[in-house]
PDB file of N, CA and C in Angstrom:
ATOM      1  N   ASP A   1      -1.885 -17.886 -19.266  1.00  0.00           N
ATOM      2  CA  ASP A   1      -2.969 -16.773 -19.764  1.00  0.00           C
ATOM      3  C   ASP A   1      -2.549 -15.537 -19.924  1.00  0.00           C
ATOM      4  N   LYS A   2      -2.931 -14.737 -20.974  1.00  0.00           N
ATOM      5  CA  LYS A   2      -2.539 -13.446 -21.301  1.00  0.00           C
ATOM      6  C   LYS A   2      -3.392 -12.507 -20.355  1.00  0.00           C
ATOM      7  N   LEU A   3      -2.537 -11.707 -19.207  1.00  0.00           N
ATOM      8  CA  LEU A   3      -3.334 -10.544 -18.295  1.00  0.00           C
ATOM      9  C   LEU A   3      -4.171  -9.929 -19.193  1.00  0.00           C
ATOM     10  N   LYS A   4      -5.605  -9.535 -18.778  1.00  0.00           N
ATOM     11  CA  LYS A   4      -6.219  -8.448 -19.101  1.00  0.00           C
ATOM     12  C   LYS A   4      -6.417  -7.020 -18.509  1.00  0.00           C
ATOM     13  N   PHE A   5      -6.234  -6.181 -19.280  1.00  0.00           N
ATOM     14  CA  PHE A   5      -6.010  -4.863 -18.436  1.00  0.00           C
ATOM     15  C   PHE A   5      -7.425  -4.086 -18.863  1.00  0.00           C
ATOM     16  N   ARG A   6      -7.913  -3.212 -17.910  1.00  0.00           N
ATOM     17  CA  ARG A   6      -8.915  -2.828 -18.120  1.00  0.00           C
ATOM     18  C   ARG A   6      -8.579  -1.213 -18.949  1.00  0.00           C
ATOM     19  N   ASN A   7      -8.010  -1.030 -19.067  1.00  0.00           N
ATOM     20  CA  ASN A   7      -7.281   0.225 -19.934  1.00  0.00           C
ATOM     21  C   ASN A   7      -5.818   0.677 -19.966  1.00  0.00           C
ATOM     22  N   LEU A   8      -5.245   1.079 -21.007  1.00  0.00           N
ATOM     23  CA  LEU A   8      -4.031   1.336 -21.148  1.00  0.00           C
ATOM     24  C   LEU A   8      -3.024   2.063 -20.217  1.00  0.00           C
ATOM     25  N   ARG A   9      -3.758   2.695 -19.541  1.00  0.00           N
ATOM     26  CA  ARG A   9      -2.996   3.301 -18.030  1.00  0.00           C
ATOM     27  C   ARG A   9      -2.493   1.849 -16.961  1.00  0.00           C
ATOM     28  N   ALA A  10      -3.683   1.251 -16.943  1.00  0.00           N
ATOM     29  CA  ALA A  10      -3.239  -0.287 -16.126  1.00  0.00           C
ATOM     30  C   ALA A  10      -2.277  -0.842 -16.666  1.00  0.00           C
ATOM     31  N   GLU A  11      -2.091  -1.160 -17.864  1.00  0.00           N
ATOM     32  CA  GLU A  11      -1.424  -1.953 -18.708  1.00  0.00           C
ATOM     33  C   GLU A  11       0.098  -1.213 -18.660  1.00  0.00           C
ATOM     34  N   MET A  12       0.273   0.004 -18.739  1.00  0.00           N
ATOM     35  CA  MET A  12       1.156   0.316 -18.804  1.00  0.00           C
ATOM     36  C   MET A  12       2.034   0.466 -17.258  1.00  0.00           C
ATOM     37  N   TRP A  13       1.302   0.614 -15.996  1.00  0.00           N
ATOM     38  CA  TRP A  13       1.855   0.766 -14.598  1.00  0.00           C
ATOM     39  C   TRP A  13       2.354  -0.774 -14.630  1.00  0.00           C
ATOM     40  N   TRP A  14       1.641  -2.112 -14.817  1.00  0.00           N
ATOM     41  CA  TRP A  14       1.960  -3.185 -14.636  1.00  0.00           C
ATOM     42  C   TRP A  14       3.032  -3.716 -15.717  1.00  0.00           C
ATOM     43  N   ASN A  15       3.439  -3.204 -16.908  1.00  0.00           N
ATOM     44  CA  ASN A  15       4.300  -3.584 -17.350  1.00  0.00           C
ATOM     45  C   ASN A  15       5.744  -2.772 -17.032  1.00  0.00           C
ATOM     46  N   THR A  16       5.433  -1.562 -16.467  1.00  0.00           N
ATOM     47  CA  THR A  16       6.689  -0.812 -16.329  1.00  0.00           C
ATOM     48  C   THR A  16       7.073  -1.064 -14.829  1.00  0.00           C
ATOM     49  N   GLY A  17       6.482  -1.681 -13.914  1.00  0.00           N
ATOM     50  CA  GLY A  17       6.594  -2.095 -12.757  1.00  0.00           C
ATOM     51  C   GLY A  17       7.497  -3.573 -12.887  1.00  0.00           C
ATOM     52  N   ARG A  18       6.951  -4.190 -13.659  1.00  0.00           N
ATOM     53  CA  ARG A  18       7.627  -5.503 -14.121  1.00  0.00           C
ATOM     54  C   ARG A  18       9.182  -5.349 -14.367  1.00  0.00           C
ATOM     55  N   ARG A  19       9.163  -4.453 -15.536  1.00  0.00           N
ATOM     56  CA  ARG A  19      10.515  -4.086 -16.190  1.00  0.00           C
ATOM     57  C   ARG A  19      11.699  -3.770 -15.028  1.00  0.00           C
ATOM     58  N   PHE A  20      10.897  -2.973 -14.265  1.00  0.00           N
ATOM     59  CA  PHE A  20      11.886  -2.618 -12.888  1.00  0.00           C
ATOM     60  C   PHE A  20      12.280  -3.710 -11.888  1.00  0.00           C
ATOM     61  N   ALA A  21      11.004  -4.501 -12.063  1.00  0.00           N
ATOM     62  CA  ALA A  21      11.453  -5.479 -10.861  1.00  0.00           C
ATOM     63  C   ALA A  21      12.601  -6.658 -11.671  1.00  0.00           C
ATOM     64  N   GLU A  22      12.467  -7.197 -13.132  1.00  0.00           N
ATOM     65  CA  GLU A  22      13.514  -7.615 -13.862  1.00  0.00           C
ATOM     66  C   GLU A  22      14.788  -6.775 -13.973  1.00  0.00           C
ATOM     67  N   LYS A  23      14.986  -5.496 -13.443  1.00  0.00           N
ATOM     68  CA  LYS A  23      16.096  -4.872 -13.383  1.00  0.00           C
ATOM     69  C   LYS A  23      16.436  -4.298 -14.927  1.00  0.00           C
ATOM     70  N   ASP A  24      15.181  -4.641 -15.881  1.00  0.00           N
ATOM     71  CA  ASP A  24      15.365  -3.866 -17.063  1.00  0.00           C
ATOM     72  C   ASP A  24      15.565  -2.364 -17.393  1.00  0.00           C
ATOM     73  N   ILE A  25      15.169  -1.927 -16.211  1.00  0.00           N
ATOM     74  CA  ILE A  25      15.021  -0.255 -16.205  1.00  0.00           C
ATOM     75  C   ILE A  25      15.891   0.027 -14.893  1.00  0.00           C
ATOM     76  N   LYS A  26      16.840   0.724 -15.080  1.00  0.00           N
ATOM     77  CA  LYS A  26      17.743   1.405 -14.000  1.00  0.00           C
ATOM     78  C   LYS A  26      17.735   2.804 -14.152  1.00  0.00           C
ATOM     79  N   LEU A  27      17.625   3.249 -12.987  1.00  0.00           N
ATOM     80  CA  LEU A  27      17.628   5.142 -12.709  1.00  0.00           C
ATOM     81  C   LEU A  27      19.062   5.552 -12.684  1.00  0.00           C
ATOM     82  N   THR A  28      19.374   6.365 -13.171  1.00  0.00           N
ATOM     83  CA  THR A  28      20.585   6.984 -13.408  1.00  0.00           C
ATOM     84  C   THR A  28      20.624   8.005 -11.987  1.00  0.00           C
ATOM     85  N   LYS A  29      21.454   7.884 -11.030  1.00  0.00           N
ATOM     86  CA  LYS A  29      21.664   8.930  -9.912  1.00  0.00           C
ATOM     87  C   LYS A  29      22.100  10.290 -10.488  1.00  0.00           C
ATOM     88  N   LYS A  30      21.013  11.374 -10.053  1.00  0.00           N
ATOM     89  CA  LYS A  30      21.578  12.744 -10.148  1.00  0.00           C
ATOM     90  C   LYS A  30      20.951  13.475  -9.328  1.00  0.00           C
ATOM     91  N   GLU A  31      21.973  14.555  -9.005  1.00  0.00           N
ATOM     92  CA  GLU A  31      21.899  15.096  -8.186  1.00  0.00           C
ATOM     93  C   GLU A  31      20.471  15.845  -8.097  1.00  0.00           C
ATOM     94  N   GLY A  32      19.907  16.260  -6.813  1.00  0.00           N
ATOM     95  CA  GLY A  32      18.787  16.757  -6.725  1.00  0.00           C
ATOM     96  C   GLY A  32      17.765  15.807  -6.614  1.00  0.00           C
ATOM     97  N   ILE A  33      17.789  14.785  -6.824  1.00  0.00           N
ATOM     98  CA  ILE A  33      16.341  13.557  -7.010  1.00  0.00           C
ATOM     99  C   ILE A  33      16.427  13.012  -5.707  1.00  0.00           C
ATOM    100  N   GLU A  34      15.235  12.991  -4.949  1.00  0.00           N
ATOM    101  CA  GLU A  34      14.801  12.425  -3.917  1.00  0.00           C
ATOM    102  C   GLU A  34      14.509  11.029  -3.938  1.00  0.00           C
ATOM    103  N   TYR A  35      15.637   9.960  -4.221  1.00  0.00           N
ATOM    104  CA  TYR A  35      15.190   8.640  -5.020  1.00  0.00           C
ATOM    105  C   TYR A  35      14.206   8.139  -3.638  1.00  0.00           C
ATOM    106  N   GLU A  36      14.463   8.439  -2.749  1.00  0.00           N
ATOM    107  CA  GLU A  36      13.687   7.337  -1.454  1.00  0.00           C
ATOM    108  C   GLU A  36      12.183   7.565  -1.685  1.00  0.00           C
ATOM    109  N   LYS A  37      11.977   9.006  -1.774  1.00  0.00           N
ATOM    110  CA  LYS A  37      10.727   9.412  -1.981  1.00  0.00           C
ATOM    111  C   LYS A  37      10.375   8.864  -3.564  1.00  0.00           C
ATOM    112  N   LEU A  38      10.886   8.875  -4.571  1.00  0.00           N
ATOM    113  CA  LEU A  38      10.492   8.302  -5.800  1.00  0.00           C
ATOM    114  C   LEU A  38      10.137   7.300  -5.863  1.00  0.00           C
ATOM    115  N   LYS A  39      10.792   6.213  -5.060  1.00  0.00           N
ATOM    116  CA  LYS A  39      10.649   4.856  -4.668  1.00  0.00           C
ATOM    117  C   LYS A  39       9.440   4.559  -4.437  1.00  0.00           C
ATOM    118  N   ARG A  40       8.976   5.231  -2.988  1.00  0.00           N
ATOM    119  CA  ARG A  40       7.850   5.269  -2.260  1.00  0.00           C
ATOM    120  C   ARG A  40       6.839   5.876  -3.093  1.00  0.00           C
ATOM    121  N   GLU A  41       6.740   6.997  -4.137  1.00  0.00           N
ATOM    122  CA  GLU A  41       5.597   7.047  -4.973  1.00  0.00           C
ATOM    123  C   GLU A  41       5.532   6.164  -6.197  1.00  0.00           C
ATOM    124  N   LEU A  42       6.534   5.765  -6.712  1.00  0.00           N
ATOM    125  CA  LEU A  42       6.187   4.853  -7.628  1.00  0.00           C
ATOM    126  C   LEU A  42       5.382   3.280  -7.021  1.00  0.00           C
ATOM    127  N   SER A  43       6.047   2.836  -6.186  1.00  0.00           N
ATOM    128  CA  SER A  43       5.550   1.660  -5.537  1.00  0.00           C
ATOM    129  C   SER A  43       4.187   1.619  -4.725  1.00  0.00           C
ATOM    130  N   SER A  44       3.564   2.906  -4.862  1.00  0.00           N
ATOM    131  CA  SER A  44       2.547   3.433  -3.836  1.00  0.00           C
ATOM    132  C   SER A  44       1.240   3.018  -4.683  1.00  0.00           C
ATOM    133  N   VAL A  45       1.355   2.705  -6.084  1.00  0.00           N
ATOM    134  CA  VAL A  45       0.094   2.701  -6.829  1.00  0.00           C
ATOM    135  C   VAL A  45      -0.443   1.000  -6.565  1.00  0.00           C
ATOM    136  N   SER A  46      -1.766   0.832  -6.290  1.00  0.00           N
ATOM    137  CA  SER A  46      -2.307  -0.276  -6.191  1.00  0.00           C
ATOM    138  C   SER A  46      -3.366  -0.816  -7.133  1.00  0.00           C
ATOM    139  N   TYR A  47      -3.699  -1.875  -7.102  1.00  0.00           N
ATOM    140  CA  TYR A  47      -4.604  -2.256  -8.072  1.00  0.00           C
ATOM    141  C   TYR A  47      -5.484  -3.236  -7.584  1.00  0.00           C
ATOM    142  N   LEU A  48      -6.685  -3.392  -8.506  1.00  0.00           N
ATOM    143  CA  LEU A  48      -7.794  -4.684  -7.966  1.00  0.00           C
ATOM    144  C   LEU A  48      -8.085  -5.469  -9.177  1.00  0.00           C
ATOM    145  N   ILE A  49      -8.497  -6.376  -9.321  1.00  0.00           N
ATOM    146  CA  ILE A  49      -9.101  -7.161 -10.486  1.00  0.00           C
ATOM    147  C   ILE A  49     -10.725  -7.213 -10.181  1.00  0.00           C
ATOM    148  N   ARG A  50     -11.234  -6.792 -11.341  1.00  0.00           N
ATOM    149  CA  ARG A  50     -12.719  -6.559 -11.305  1.00  0.00           C
ATOM    150  C   ARG A  50     -13.055  -7.185 -12.799  1.00  0.00           C
ATOM    151  N   GLU A  51     -14.061  -7.977 -12.440  1.00  0.00           N
ATOM    152  CA  GLU A  51     -14.393  -8.860 -13.993  1.00  0.00           C
ATOM    153  C   GLU A  51     -13.539  -9.354 -14.730  1.00  0.00           C
ATOM    154  N   GLY A  52     -12.414  -9.933 -14.039  1.00  0.00           N
ATOM    155  CA  GLY A  52     -11.335 -10.486 -14.563  1.00  0.00           C
ATOM    156  C   GLY A  52     -10.110  -9.739 -15.320  1.00  0.00           C
ATOM    157  N   LYS A  53     -10.401  -8.498 -15.099  1.00  0.00           N
ATOM    158  CA  LYS A  53      -9.585  -7.602 -15.812  1.00  0.00           C
ATOM    159  C   LYS A  53      -8.875  -6.307 -14.741  1.00  0.00           C
ATOM    160  N   MET A  54      -7.723  -6.084 -14.727  1.00  0.00           N
ATOM    161  CA  MET A  54      -6.723  -5.460 -13.991  1.00  0.00           C
ATOM    162  C   MET A  54      -6.885  -3.882 -14.296  1.00  0.00           C
TER     163      MET A  54
END
């Protein structure tokens, strides 16, 4: 079954998270970036399924 999303934002978050998990997206180390903070912020988004849509 194809996942159904309530809006484009939900679909974009889901697909970006999947690409990070599959290591399709990698962050280049750059001075001045707090990577642990960035990791926490990116992974803190939560979701719920309502009426069969995410």
